[in-house]
Amino acid sequence: MSMKDTCSSAFRQEHWDSFAQLFDEWYTRVPNEWKENARIKGIPDDISKVLLCEMGDYAFKWMDKKVPALGDQSPASYLETVEGANALRAAIMQMPR
């Protein structure tokens, strides 16, 4: 089973919604330029909200890096399918904080 499959099977929409909601207030302070850049790059709003709050503009570099925890794939490659995007959501929730 691939990392994408493993993360995808762990995804629960209600858990993600509760998690992403934690960033609502912080996201109001994220520069609009970063939000627009995320939109242009095709990063879903909910994912960009969490990543930009946690990583700042480094999130854009991270999206293109091969990440060992994602099976040496880039987070951006996970966004190619709905299942992949949900797998990325699950992986983001499991990232150490």
N, C-alpha and C. Protein backbone atom coordinates (compact mmCIF):
# COMPACT_ATOMS: atom_id res chain seq x y z
N MET A 1 0.86 -1.17 0.00
CA MET A 1 0.00 0.00 0.00
C MET A 1 0.90 1.24 0.00
N SER A 2 0.62 2.20 -0.85
CA SER A 2 1.42 3.42 -0.94
C SER A 2 1.10 4.35 0.23
N MET A 3 1.99 5.32 0.44
CA MET A 3 1.74 6.32 1.48
C MET A 3 0.46 7.09 1.18
N LYS A 4 0.23 7.36 -0.09
CA LYS A 4 -0.98 8.09 -0.47
C LYS A 4 -2.22 7.28 -0.09
N ASP A 5 -2.19 5.98 -0.34
CA ASP A 5 -3.32 5.12 0.02
C ASP A 5 -3.49 5.07 1.54
N THR A 6 -2.38 4.97 2.25
CA THR A 6 -2.43 4.90 3.71
C THR A 6 -3.04 6.17 4.29
N CYS A 7 -2.55 7.33 3.81
CA CYS A 7 -3.08 8.60 4.30
C CYS A 7 -4.54 8.79 3.89
N SER A 8 -4.86 8.39 2.67
CA SER A 8 -6.23 8.54 2.18
C SER A 8 -7.21 7.73 3.03
N SER A 9 -6.80 6.54 3.42
CA SER A 9 -7.70 5.70 4.23
C SER A 9 -7.87 6.26 5.64
N ALA A 10 -6.91 7.10 6.09
CA ALA A 10 -7.00 7.69 7.42
C ALA A 10 -7.81 8.99 7.43
N PHE A 11 -8.14 9.53 6.25
CA PHE A 11 -8.81 10.83 6.17
C PHE A 11 -10.26 10.74 6.63
N ARG A 12 -10.63 11.69 7.49
CA ARG A 12 -12.02 11.85 7.94
C ARG A 12 -12.36 13.33 7.80
N GLN A 13 -13.34 13.63 6.97
CA GLN A 13 -13.69 15.02 6.67
C GLN A 13 -14.01 15.82 7.93
N GLU A 14 -14.75 15.23 8.86
CA GLU A 14 -15.14 15.97 10.06
C GLU A 14 -13.92 16.31 10.92
N HIS A 15 -12.91 15.43 10.93
CA HIS A 15 -11.68 15.72 11.68
C HIS A 15 -10.92 16.86 11.02
N TRP A 16 -10.82 16.81 9.69
CA TRP A 16 -10.13 17.87 8.97
C TRP A 16 -10.84 19.21 9.17
N ASP A 17 -12.15 19.22 9.07
CA ASP A 17 -12.90 20.47 9.23
C ASP A 17 -12.64 21.10 10.60
N SER A 18 -12.65 20.29 11.64
CA SER A 18 -12.38 20.79 13.00
C SER A 18 -10.95 21.31 13.11
N PHE A 19 -10.02 20.58 12.53
CA PHE A 19 -8.61 20.97 12.57
C PHE A 19 -8.40 22.28 11.81
N ALA A 20 -8.89 22.36 10.60
CA ALA A 20 -8.68 23.55 9.77
C ALA A 20 -9.33 24.79 10.39
N GLN A 21 -10.42 24.59 11.09
CA GLN A 21 -11.12 25.71 11.72
C GLN A 21 -10.25 26.38 12.78
N LEU A 22 -9.31 25.65 13.35
CA LEU A 22 -8.42 26.21 14.36
C LEU A 22 -7.58 27.37 13.81
N PHE A 23 -7.44 27.42 12.49
CA PHE A 23 -6.57 28.41 11.86
C PHE A 23 -7.34 29.62 11.33
N ASP A 24 -8.65 29.66 11.52
CA ASP A 24 -9.47 30.74 10.96
C ASP A 24 -8.98 32.13 11.37
N GLU A 25 -8.74 32.34 12.65
CA GLU A 25 -8.34 33.67 13.11
C GLU A 25 -6.94 34.03 12.59
N TRP A 26 -6.00 33.10 12.68
CA TRP A 26 -4.64 33.37 12.20
C TRP A 26 -4.63 33.69 10.72
N TYR A 27 -5.51 33.02 9.98
CA TYR A 27 -5.52 33.20 8.52
C TYR A 27 -5.91 34.62 8.13
N THR A 28 -6.63 35.31 8.97
CA THR A 28 -6.98 36.69 8.65
C THR A 28 -5.74 37.58 8.61
N ARG A 29 -4.64 37.14 9.23
CA ARG A 29 -3.39 37.92 9.26
C ARG A 29 -2.40 37.50 8.18
N VAL A 30 -2.74 36.48 7.41
CA VAL A 30 -1.86 36.03 6.33
C VAL A 30 -1.94 37.06 5.20
N PRO A 31 -0.80 37.46 4.65
CA PRO A 31 -0.83 38.44 3.56
C PRO A 31 -1.67 37.97 2.37
N ASN A 32 -2.46 38.87 1.83
CA ASN A 32 -3.30 38.55 0.67
C ASN A 32 -2.48 38.05 -0.51
N GLU A 33 -1.26 38.53 -0.63
CA GLU A 33 -0.37 38.08 -1.71
C GLU A 33 -0.13 36.58 -1.62
N TRP A 34 0.08 36.08 -0.40
CA TRP A 34 0.29 34.63 -0.22
C TRP A 34 -0.98 33.86 -0.56
N LYS A 35 -2.11 34.37 -0.13
CA LYS A 35 -3.39 33.70 -0.43
C LYS A 35 -3.61 33.61 -1.93
N GLU A 36 -3.32 34.70 -2.63
CA GLU A 36 -3.50 34.73 -4.08
C GLU A 36 -2.51 33.79 -4.76
N ASN A 37 -1.29 33.75 -4.28
CA ASN A 37 -0.29 32.85 -4.84
C ASN A 37 -0.74 31.39 -4.68
N ALA A 38 -1.30 31.05 -3.53
CA ALA A 38 -1.80 29.70 -3.29
C ALA A 38 -2.95 29.38 -4.25
N ARG A 39 -3.83 30.35 -4.46
CA ARG A 39 -4.95 30.14 -5.38
C ARG A 39 -4.43 29.89 -6.79
N ILE A 40 -3.47 30.69 -7.23
CA ILE A 40 -2.89 30.55 -8.57
C ILE A 40 -2.22 29.19 -8.73
N LYS A 41 -1.57 28.72 -7.67
CA LYS A 41 -0.88 27.42 -7.72
C LYS A 41 -1.84 26.24 -7.59
N GLY A 42 -3.13 26.52 -7.39
CA GLY A 42 -4.12 25.45 -7.32
C GLY A 42 -4.19 24.74 -5.99
N ILE A 43 -3.70 25.39 -4.94
CA ILE A 43 -3.77 24.80 -3.61
C ILE A 43 -5.16 25.11 -3.04
N PRO A 44 -5.91 24.08 -2.67
CA PRO A 44 -7.25 24.33 -2.12
C PRO A 44 -7.19 25.29 -0.92
N ASP A 45 -8.21 26.11 -0.79
CA ASP A 45 -8.25 27.13 0.25
C ASP A 45 -8.03 26.57 1.64
N ASP A 46 -8.66 25.45 1.96
CA ASP A 46 -8.53 24.90 3.31
C ASP A 46 -7.11 24.43 3.59
N ILE A 47 -6.47 23.85 2.59
CA ILE A 47 -5.09 23.39 2.76
C ILE A 47 -4.15 24.58 2.86
N SER A 48 -4.34 25.57 2.00
CA SER A 48 -3.46 26.74 2.05
C SER A 48 -3.62 27.48 3.37
N LYS A 49 -4.83 27.51 3.91
CA LYS A 49 -5.06 28.17 5.20
C LYS A 49 -4.16 27.57 6.27
N VAL A 50 -4.15 26.27 6.37
CA VAL A 50 -3.35 25.59 7.39
C VAL A 50 -1.86 25.77 7.11
N LEU A 51 -1.45 25.52 5.87
CA LEU A 51 -0.03 25.59 5.56
C LEU A 51 0.54 26.99 5.69
N LEU A 52 -0.19 27.99 5.20
CA LEU A 52 0.32 29.36 5.29
C LEU A 52 0.40 29.84 6.73
N CYS A 53 -0.54 29.42 7.55
CA CYS A 53 -0.49 29.80 8.97
C CYS A 53 0.68 29.12 9.67
N GLU A 54 0.96 27.89 9.32
CA GLU A 54 2.02 27.15 10.00
C GLU A 54 3.41 27.38 9.41
N MET A 55 3.48 27.54 8.09
CA MET A 55 4.78 27.59 7.42
C MET A 55 5.12 28.95 6.82
N GLY A 56 4.17 29.83 6.76
CA GLY A 56 4.41 31.09 6.07
C GLY A 56 4.63 30.82 4.59
N ASP A 57 5.41 31.68 3.94
CA ASP A 57 5.59 31.51 2.50
C ASP A 57 6.51 30.33 2.15
N TYR A 58 7.15 29.70 3.16
CA TYR A 58 7.90 28.47 2.90
C TYR A 58 6.98 27.37 2.38
N ALA A 59 5.70 27.47 2.66
CA ALA A 59 4.74 26.47 2.19
C ALA A 59 4.82 26.27 0.68
N PHE A 60 5.11 27.33 -0.05
CA PHE A 60 5.19 27.21 -1.51
C PHE A 60 6.37 26.35 -1.94
N LYS A 61 7.50 26.48 -1.27
CA LYS A 61 8.65 25.62 -1.56
C LYS A 61 8.36 24.19 -1.13
N TRP A 62 7.74 24.04 0.05
CA TRP A 62 7.44 22.72 0.58
C TRP A 62 6.53 21.94 -0.37
N MET A 63 5.59 22.63 -0.98
CA MET A 63 4.64 21.95 -1.88
C MET A 63 5.35 21.26 -3.03
N ASP A 64 6.52 21.76 -3.42
CA ASP A 64 7.25 21.19 -4.56
C ASP A 64 8.36 20.23 -4.17
N LYS A 65 8.64 20.10 -2.87
CA LYS A 65 9.71 19.21 -2.41
C LYS A 65 9.22 17.76 -2.35
N LYS A 66 10.15 16.84 -2.54
CA LYS A 66 9.84 15.43 -2.31
C LYS A 66 9.92 15.20 -0.80
N VAL A 67 8.82 14.76 -0.24
CA VAL A 67 8.71 14.62 1.21
C VAL A 67 8.73 13.12 1.57
N PRO A 68 9.72 12.68 2.37
CA PRO A 68 9.79 11.26 2.73
C PRO A 68 8.49 10.72 3.33
N ALA A 69 7.83 11.51 4.18
CA ALA A 69 6.59 11.06 4.81
C ALA A 69 5.45 10.89 3.82
N LEU A 70 5.64 11.42 2.61
CA LEU A 70 4.62 11.27 1.56
C LEU A 70 5.10 10.30 0.49
N GLY A 71 5.96 9.37 0.87
CA GLY A 71 6.45 8.39 -0.08
C GLY A 71 7.39 9.01 -1.10
N ASP A 72 8.14 10.02 -0.68
CA ASP A 72 9.07 10.75 -1.55
C ASP A 72 8.38 11.40 -2.75
N GLN A 73 7.13 11.76 -2.56
CA GLN A 73 6.40 12.53 -3.56
C GLN A 73 6.22 13.94 -3.05
N SER A 74 5.95 14.85 -3.95
CA SER A 74 5.71 16.23 -3.52
C SER A 74 4.26 16.38 -3.08
N PRO A 75 4.02 17.27 -2.12
CA PRO A 75 2.64 17.55 -1.73
C PRO A 75 1.80 18.00 -2.94
N ALA A 76 2.41 18.76 -3.84
CA ALA A 76 1.68 19.23 -5.03
C ALA A 76 1.17 18.06 -5.86
N SER A 77 1.93 16.98 -5.93
CA SER A 77 1.49 15.81 -6.71
C SER A 77 0.26 15.16 -6.11
N TYR A 78 0.08 15.32 -4.81
CA TYR A 78 -1.11 14.77 -4.14
C TYR A 78 -2.38 15.50 -4.56
N LEU A 79 -2.23 16.72 -5.04
CA LEU A 79 -3.40 17.52 -5.39
C LEU A 79 -3.99 17.17 -6.76
N GLU A 80 -3.41 16.20 -7.43
CA GLU A 80 -3.88 15.82 -8.77
C GLU A 80 -5.23 15.11 -8.75
N THR A 81 -5.60 14.54 -7.60
CA THR A 81 -6.89 13.85 -7.48
C THR A 81 -7.55 14.24 -6.17
N VAL A 82 -8.84 14.02 -6.08
CA VAL A 82 -9.56 14.28 -4.83
C VAL A 82 -9.03 13.38 -3.73
N GLU A 83 -8.80 12.11 -4.04
CA GLU A 83 -8.29 11.18 -3.05
C GLU A 83 -6.91 11.61 -2.58
N GLY A 84 -6.08 12.08 -3.50
CA GLY A 84 -4.75 12.55 -3.14
C GLY A 84 -4.81 13.78 -2.24
N ALA A 85 -5.69 14.72 -2.57
CA ALA A 85 -5.84 15.92 -1.75
C ALA A 85 -6.29 15.54 -0.34
N ASN A 86 -7.19 14.59 -0.24
CA ASN A 86 -7.63 14.14 1.09
C ASN A 86 -6.50 13.43 1.83
N ALA A 87 -5.68 12.69 1.11
CA ALA A 87 -4.52 12.05 1.72
C ALA A 87 -3.56 13.11 2.24
N LEU A 88 -3.38 14.19 1.49
CA LEU A 88 -2.52 15.27 1.94
C LEU A 88 -3.09 15.93 3.19
N ARG A 89 -4.39 16.12 3.21
CA ARG A 89 -5.04 16.68 4.41
C ARG A 89 -4.75 15.81 5.64
N ALA A 90 -4.91 14.50 5.47
CA ALA A 90 -4.65 13.58 6.58
C ALA A 90 -3.18 13.65 7.00
N ALA A 91 -2.28 13.74 6.05
CA ALA A 91 -0.85 13.81 6.36
C ALA A 91 -0.53 15.12 7.10
N ILE A 92 -1.13 16.21 6.67
CA ILE A 92 -0.91 17.50 7.33
C ILE A 92 -1.35 17.44 8.79
N MET A 93 -2.46 16.79 9.05
CA MET A 93 -2.92 16.68 10.44
C MET A 93 -1.95 15.87 11.29
N GLN A 94 -1.21 14.96 10.67
CA GLN A 94 -0.29 14.11 11.41
C GLN A 94 1.11 14.70 11.54
N MET A 95 1.35 15.84 10.91
CA MET A 95 2.67 16.47 10.98
C MET A 95 2.96 16.89 12.42
N PRO A 96 4.20 16.71 12.85
CA PRO A 96 4.57 17.16 14.20
C PRO A 96 4.41 18.67 14.33
N ARG A 97 3.97 19.09 15.48
CA ARG A 97 3.80 20.52 15.76
C ARG A 97 4.52 20.89 17.02
